[in-house]
Every structure is written in structure tokens, then in C-alpha cells.
Amino acid sequence: MNTEQKKVFTLLPSPEYWGIQKMLEKGKILDSDKTVFFKNQVTMESLKKVMNGFTPGATGFVFIRENVKSPDCREWVANFKEVLKTMNEFGFFEMDADNCVDPMDLVRAYGKCVSKDKYEKCIVYAKKRCLSGIDAVLALSPPKFIFIFVKEMLLAGKTLNTKHVKMVIDVPYKGVNSGNVDRIVQGLVGRCCGYNKNKDVVIVTNKKRVEDYINWVNNDITPSGKPATHAIVKDDALVAKGSAYMKPVSVGAVAVKKEDDDDDDDDDDDDDDEDNIRNT
């Protein structure tokens, strides 16, 4: 394989792109480590207090990522599910490797949370639009809040329709400060990025890790607090230190990784919702 004469073109997204920095600037990201809701086991009262932060009568999907390697996280989530079982006003199902074998497994799981007519409507719409799995579930607004507990899924590469998503949550856990940067930003936070996204989704995650990522992108400071050390060429000069996420001066021509001089390649709001939830 020829490893020489390779160029890396970094393209700036258009202003319509909904990204992590805009989420921070608009106050859409809440810090899970500072949210009282996670400090104790979930109760009917504490859950209602959080969900009452949304507009009265609102419905939608809430994604919750569980860290399967953390005993305290697993215990907290297990208790949460037991509470949900006692409350008819909410529904929930799990999204993991065990119930995603068949493309329609998640649709069937969703069907157990809603009435028969709502389930059938989901099936009809999914067939009409050739949707399956989580895409079929999210296509239509649910009749109540539906919690989706995620394990080891919805990472980089999966596009989500967030039109009916109200909130995504990375459950914090002790000792590891809620995971590393790339896992956080490529997980539920990253699934909320893109074009034509719902900009009112409330994101509860490790805010410090998200800020570390932005610092990495904007200032070449890695999450460890050290300058990035990627070997790059910028403006025809070798730079010993720099970021793989360099901002291009113009779209289509910017970061070039160690290329030879004789390269002959062509150069071609629901703001009130966040305030209410933040205070619970």
C-alpha cells in the first residue's frame, strides 16, 4: 500500500450544523456530576420532579447510557428500572446486543410500552418508510415519555432522528469521572450533532470532558492537558506539534499530513426545560 503523498482536507461545516460547541454556548449541556438526581437512588417523587421540568403535556424519548463496568452505575440503573415498572405514565425498554439481533426487536420492545393502536401505527409507518430498529421507534412521537436504556450501542457512525428526543443522559459513576473524552463525545452527545437536529434536546453528561474536547479542537490542548503532538504540515512547513482537528483557512484546503514536494495529486428552545431540570 502506498503510504506517501497523502493529503488530509479538513472541511468546515456550514453554519446550520448543530455541534458540541454550539450546545455548550446555548446551555444545552448539563453536568451530570453536579446534578442532584444522580446523587441518590431514584424514587417516584424524584423522577416526577425531573420530568415535571418539561412543558406540561410533553412527551418524548429519553436515552440513558449505562456503564456496564461500573457496579454503582448498574445498581443505580437497576433501581431506576424498578421504579419505572410501578409508573404507568412512563415506559422503558433496553437497547443492547441481546435485543437488537433482529431489526424489529426494538420495535417490539417499544410496542410493550404503548397501546396496541400506537404500536400498529409505528409498524405501518416503519414499513412505509422502510425503517427498522431504533429508526422506526423514533420516527413518530410517543404517547408518553419512553426511557431507552443503552448498553454499548449508539456510538460513532450511527445517525439518530432526534425530532422526538427530549433528553440524553450519560449516567455518572465513581472513580473514572464518567469515561474518556472520545467515548463521551462520540456517544449520545455525538448522536445529537448534525444537520436538521432537534436543538432543544437536554444533554446530561460529564461537562468537563466535553469542555476538554472543545479545548482540544480549538487550542491544540489534549484532554491530558498537554499540547497535541500530531506531525502535520501547515502552509508548506512541517509543524512538530499541532492538532488533528485544525481549522481550515478556507473550506477544502488546510491540513496536509507530511507530503512530498513532488506530489502530483489534484488540489481540488425550550430554554425553560433546561433551567427546570438543572435545578432538580
Protein backbone atom coordinates (compact mmCIF):
# COMPACT_ATOMS: atom_id res chain seq x y z
CA MET A 1 0.00 0.00 0.00
CA ASN A 2 1.34 3.41 -0.94
CA THR A 3 1.65 5.48 2.24
CA GLU A 4 3.26 8.52 0.66
CA GLN A 5 1.84 11.69 -0.83
CA LYS A 6 -1.35 11.73 1.21
CA LYS A 7 -3.34 14.86 1.89
CA VAL A 8 -5.86 15.48 4.64
CA PHE A 9 -8.55 18.04 3.80
CA THR A 10 -10.42 19.46 6.77
CA LEU A 11 -13.83 20.85 5.82
CA LEU A 12 -15.68 23.35 7.94
CA PRO A 13 -19.35 22.54 8.47
CA SER A 14 -21.88 25.13 7.40
CA PRO A 15 -23.45 27.47 9.99
CA GLU A 16 -26.52 25.21 10.05
CA TYR A 17 -24.54 22.37 11.62
CA TRP A 18 -25.53 21.71 15.23
CA GLY A 19 -22.35 20.79 17.04
CA ILE A 20 -20.95 20.38 20.53
CA GLN A 21 -19.57 23.90 20.83
CA LYS A 22 -22.96 25.40 19.97
CA MET A 23 -24.59 23.10 22.52
CA LEU A 24 -22.28 24.45 25.20
CA GLU A 25 -22.79 28.05 24.15
CA LYS A 26 -26.59 27.65 24.22
CA GLY A 27 -26.54 25.98 27.64
CA LYS A 28 -27.90 22.66 26.36
CA ILE A 29 -25.34 20.54 28.20
CA LEU A 30 -25.86 19.95 31.93
CA ASP A 31 -23.17 18.49 34.17
CA SER A 32 -24.13 15.01 35.38
CA ASP A 33 -21.59 15.20 38.22
CA LYS A 34 -23.44 18.22 39.65
CA THR A 35 -26.99 17.00 39.11
CA VAL A 36 -28.75 16.09 42.35
CA PHE A 37 -30.87 13.46 40.60
CA PHE A 38 -27.88 11.09 40.40
CA LYS A 39 -26.73 11.51 43.99
CA ASN A 40 -29.31 9.11 45.41
CA GLN A 41 -31.39 6.16 44.27
CA VAL A 42 -34.31 7.12 42.03
CA THR A 43 -37.75 7.36 43.63
CA MET A 44 -41.15 8.08 42.14
CA GLU A 45 -41.00 11.55 43.66
CA SER A 46 -37.52 12.41 42.38
CA LEU A 47 -38.33 11.17 38.87
CA LYS A 48 -41.57 13.14 38.70
CA LYS A 49 -39.73 16.25 39.86
CA VAL A 50 -37.27 15.95 36.98
CA MET A 51 -39.85 15.19 34.31
CA ASN A 52 -42.11 17.99 35.53
CA GLY A 53 -39.35 20.31 34.38
CA PHE A 54 -40.58 19.80 30.83
CA THR A 55 -43.53 21.65 29.39
CA PRO A 56 -46.82 20.25 30.77
CA GLY A 57 -48.19 17.58 28.47
CA ALA A 58 -44.85 16.99 26.76
CA THR A 59 -43.84 13.51 25.64
CA GLY A 60 -40.72 12.13 24.03
CA PHE A 61 -37.80 9.74 24.24
CA VAL A 62 -35.08 9.80 26.88
CA PHE A 63 -31.85 7.90 26.21
CA ILE A 64 -29.85 6.72 29.22
CA ARG A 65 -26.39 5.22 28.80
CA GLU A 66 -25.34 2.72 31.43
CA ASN A 67 -21.67 1.91 32.03
CA VAL A 68 -21.72 -1.88 32.33
CA LYS A 69 -18.29 -1.99 34.01
CA SER A 70 -19.35 0.18 36.94
CA PRO A 71 -21.17 -1.67 39.78
CA ASP A 72 -22.58 1.54 41.27
CA CYS A 73 -23.87 2.63 37.86
CA ARG A 74 -25.51 -0.75 37.24
CA GLU A 75 -27.14 -0.62 40.67
CA TRP A 76 -28.47 2.90 40.11
CA VAL A 77 -29.92 1.97 36.71
CA ALA A 78 -31.44 -1.28 38.01
CA ASN A 79 -33.25 0.66 40.75
CA PHE A 80 -34.40 3.20 38.15
CA LYS A 81 -36.00 0.44 36.09
CA GLU A 82 -37.79 -0.98 39.12
CA VAL A 83 -39.29 2.44 39.81
CA LEU A 84 -40.40 2.78 36.19
CA LYS A 85 -42.20 -0.57 36.40
CA THR A 86 -44.53 0.92 39.01
CA MET A 87 -45.40 4.06 37.00
CA ASN A 88 -47.90 3.85 34.17
CA GLU A 89 -47.15 7.38 32.99
CA PHE A 90 -43.73 6.27 31.75
CA GLY A 91 -42.43 3.37 29.69
CA PHE A 92 -39.00 1.90 29.10
CA PHE A 93 -37.07 -0.74 27.21
CA GLU A 94 -33.43 -1.74 26.80
CA MET A 95 -31.21 -1.30 23.77
CA ASP A 96 -28.26 -3.68 23.80
CA ALA A 97 -26.79 -6.58 21.84
CA ASP A 98 -29.31 -9.01 23.32
CA ASN A 99 -32.42 -7.30 21.95
CA CYS A 100 -31.03 -5.99 18.67
CA VAL A 101 -30.47 -9.33 16.95
CA ASP A 102 -33.48 -8.88 14.68
CA PRO A 103 -34.06 -5.44 13.06
CA MET A 104 -37.55 -5.32 14.54
CA ASP A 105 -36.60 -6.35 18.08
CA LEU A 106 -36.58 -2.77 19.35
CA VAL A 107 -39.90 -2.04 17.70
CA ARG A 108 -41.44 -4.99 19.53
CA ALA A 109 -39.88 -3.80 22.79
CA TYR A 110 -41.36 -0.35 22.18
CA GLY A 111 -44.72 -1.99 21.47
CA LYS A 112 -44.83 -3.32 25.03
CA CYS A 113 -44.64 0.27 26.33
CA VAL A 114 -47.57 1.69 24.37
CA SER A 115 -51.12 0.79 23.39
CA LYS A 116 -51.83 -1.68 20.59
CA ASP A 117 -53.00 1.03 18.19
CA LYS A 118 -49.87 3.11 18.77
CA TYR A 119 -47.70 0.06 18.17
CA GLU A 120 -49.55 -0.80 14.97
CA LYS A 121 -49.23 2.78 13.77
CA CYS A 122 -45.48 2.55 14.36
CA ILE A 123 -45.29 -0.69 12.36
CA VAL A 124 -47.28 0.73 9.43
CA TYR A 125 -45.19 3.91 9.31
CA ALA A 126 -41.93 1.95 9.55
CA LYS A 127 -42.88 -0.30 6.63
CA LYS A 128 -43.98 2.67 4.56
CA ARG A 129 -40.67 4.47 5.14
CA CYS A 130 -38.54 1.30 5.10
CA LEU A 131 -37.41 1.87 8.68
CA SER A 132 -36.36 -0.67 11.27
CA GLY A 133 -34.77 -0.82 14.69
CA ILE A 134 -34.31 2.41 16.61
CA ASP A 135 -35.05 4.45 13.46
CA ALA A 136 -38.57 3.02 13.34
CA VAL A 137 -39.13 3.68 17.04
CA LEU A 138 -38.03 7.32 16.88
CA ALA A 139 -39.96 8.20 13.73
CA LEU A 140 -43.22 9.07 15.50
CA SER A 141 -43.91 10.95 18.72
CA PRO A 142 -44.63 8.56 21.61
CA PRO A 143 -47.81 8.94 23.70
CA LYS A 144 -45.75 9.35 26.89
CA PHE A 145 -42.14 9.60 27.99
CA ILE A 146 -40.24 6.48 26.93
CA PHE A 147 -36.87 5.77 28.55
CA ILE A 148 -34.37 3.82 26.44
CA PHE A 149 -31.51 2.24 28.40
CA VAL A 150 -28.45 1.87 26.18
CA LYS A 151 -25.54 -0.51 26.66
CA GLU A 152 -22.52 -0.48 24.34
CA MET A 153 -24.51 0.93 21.42
CA LEU A 154 -25.21 4.27 19.69
CA LEU A 155 -21.56 5.15 19.33
CA ALA A 156 -19.77 6.82 16.41
CA GLY A 157 -21.31 6.29 12.99
CA LYS A 158 -24.98 5.97 13.93
CA THR A 159 -27.26 8.82 12.88
CA LEU A 160 -30.31 9.40 15.06
CA ASN A 161 -33.52 11.22 14.27
CA THR A 162 -33.75 13.47 17.34
CA LYS A 163 -37.03 15.18 16.46
CA HIS A 164 -38.89 13.45 19.30
CA VAL A 165 -35.93 13.04 21.68
CA LYS A 166 -36.25 15.15 24.84
CA MET A 167 -33.13 14.21 26.77
CA VAL A 168 -29.99 12.06 26.65
CA ILE A 169 -28.14 11.03 29.81
CA ASP A 170 -24.70 9.58 30.48
CA VAL A 171 -25.11 8.16 33.97
CA PRO A 172 -22.10 9.26 36.09
CA TYR A 173 -20.15 6.72 38.04
CA LYS A 174 -17.48 6.76 40.71
CA GLY A 175 -13.76 6.64 40.21
CA VAL A 176 -13.38 7.25 36.49
CA ASN A 177 -15.04 10.63 36.05
CA SER A 178 -17.61 9.29 33.59
CA GLY A 179 -15.31 7.93 30.90
CA ASN A 180 -12.80 9.32 28.45
CA VAL A 181 -13.31 12.19 26.07
CA ASP A 182 -13.79 10.31 22.81
CA ARG A 183 -16.33 7.92 24.33
CA ILE A 184 -18.36 10.83 25.69
CA VAL A 185 -18.38 12.99 22.56
CA GLN A 186 -18.89 10.06 20.16
CA GLY A 187 -21.68 8.59 22.29
CA LEU A 188 -25.08 10.12 22.99
CA VAL A 189 -23.69 13.66 22.75
CA GLY A 190 -22.36 12.98 19.28
CA ARG A 191 -25.63 11.37 18.17
CA CYS A 192 -27.30 14.73 18.81
CA CYS A 193 -24.93 16.53 16.44
CA GLY A 194 -25.57 17.13 12.77
CA TYR A 195 -27.93 18.87 10.36
CA ASN A 196 -31.68 19.20 10.92
CA LYS A 197 -31.31 18.16 14.54
CA ASN A 198 -33.60 18.96 17.44
CA LYS A 199 -31.78 21.82 19.20
CA ASP A 200 -33.92 21.52 22.32
CA VAL A 201 -32.58 18.14 23.42
CA VAL A 202 -31.36 18.37 27.02
CA ILE A 203 -27.96 16.67 27.33
CA VAL A 204 -26.82 15.47 30.74
CA THR A 205 -23.23 14.25 30.66
CA ASN A 206 -19.74 14.86 32.00
CA LYS A 207 -19.47 18.52 31.05
CA LYS A 208 -15.78 18.70 31.93
CA ARG A 209 -15.00 16.01 29.35
CA VAL A 210 -16.97 17.87 26.70
CA GLU A 211 -15.08 21.08 27.52
CA ASP A 212 -11.81 19.12 27.29
CA TYR A 213 -12.78 18.10 23.77
CA ILE A 214 -13.52 21.68 22.72
CA ASN A 215 -10.18 22.79 24.18
CA TRP A 216 -8.52 20.01 22.21
CA VAL A 217 -10.12 21.13 18.97
CA ASN A 218 -9.69 24.88 19.42
CA ASN A 219 -6.40 25.17 21.28
CA ASP A 220 -4.44 22.00 20.49
CA ILE A 221 -4.50 21.01 24.17
CA THR A 222 -5.18 17.30 24.63
CA PRO A 223 -7.51 16.06 27.41
CA SER A 224 -4.41 15.24 29.47
CA GLY A 225 -3.56 18.95 29.49
CA LYS A 226 -0.60 18.59 27.13
CA PRO A 227 -0.13 20.07 23.63
CA ALA A 228 -1.10 17.73 20.81
CA THR A 229 1.85 16.14 19.02
CA HIS A 230 0.49 15.07 15.63
CA ALA A 231 3.08 15.54 12.88
CA ILE A 232 1.48 17.80 10.30
CA VAL A 233 2.38 20.17 7.52
CA LYS A 234 0.77 23.59 7.50
CA ASP A 235 1.41 26.31 4.94
CA ASP A 236 4.07 24.10 3.31
CA ALA A 237 6.11 23.93 6.52
CA LEU A 238 6.48 20.95 8.84
CA VAL A 239 4.97 21.60 12.24
CA ALA A 240 6.12 19.37 15.10
CA LYS A 241 3.10 19.99 17.26
CA GLY A 242 -0.46 20.57 16.21
CA SER A 243 -3.96 19.19 16.25
CA ALA A 244 -5.59 16.64 14.01
CA TYR A 245 -8.63 18.93 14.19
CA MET A 246 -7.06 22.04 12.66
CA LYS A 247 -9.40 24.76 11.49
CA PRO A 248 -9.04 25.36 7.75
CA VAL A 249 -8.45 28.88 6.49
CA SER A 250 -10.84 28.07 3.70
CA VAL A 251 -13.10 25.11 3.11
CA GLY A 252 -11.38 22.34 1.20
CA ALA A 253 -7.70 23.09 1.73
CA VAL A 254 -5.99 23.06 5.04
CA ALA A 255 -4.20 20.36 6.94
CA VAL A 256 -1.70 18.34 4.94
CA LYS A 257 0.00 15.40 6.62
CA LYS A 258 3.68 15.00 5.68
CA GLU A 259 3.51 15.08 1.91
CA ASP A 260 6.38 15.20 -0.62
CA ASP A 261 7.08 18.34 -2.65
CA ASP A 262 6.54 16.47 -5.91
CA ASP A 263 3.00 15.46 -5.00
CA ASP A 264 1.02 15.41 -8.23
CA ASP A 265 -2.44 14.93 -6.70
CA ASP A 266 -5.08 17.38 -7.90
CA ASP A 267 -5.98 20.12 -5.40
CA ASP A 268 -9.28 20.06 -5.74
CA ASP A 269 -35.59 26.10 22.63
CA ASP A 270 -37.24 25.08 25.22
CA ASP A 271 -34.84 27.01 27.46
CA ASP A 272 -37.14 26.77 30.45
CA ASP A 273 -36.90 22.98 30.36
CA GLU A 274 -33.15 23.10 30.90
CA ASP A 275 -33.45 25.60 33.73
CA ASN A 276 -36.04 23.46 35.49
CA ILE A 277 -34.09 20.23 35.09
CA ARG A 278 -30.81 21.87 36.07
CA ASN A 279 -32.30 22.78 39.43
CA THR A 280 -33.55 19.26 40.28
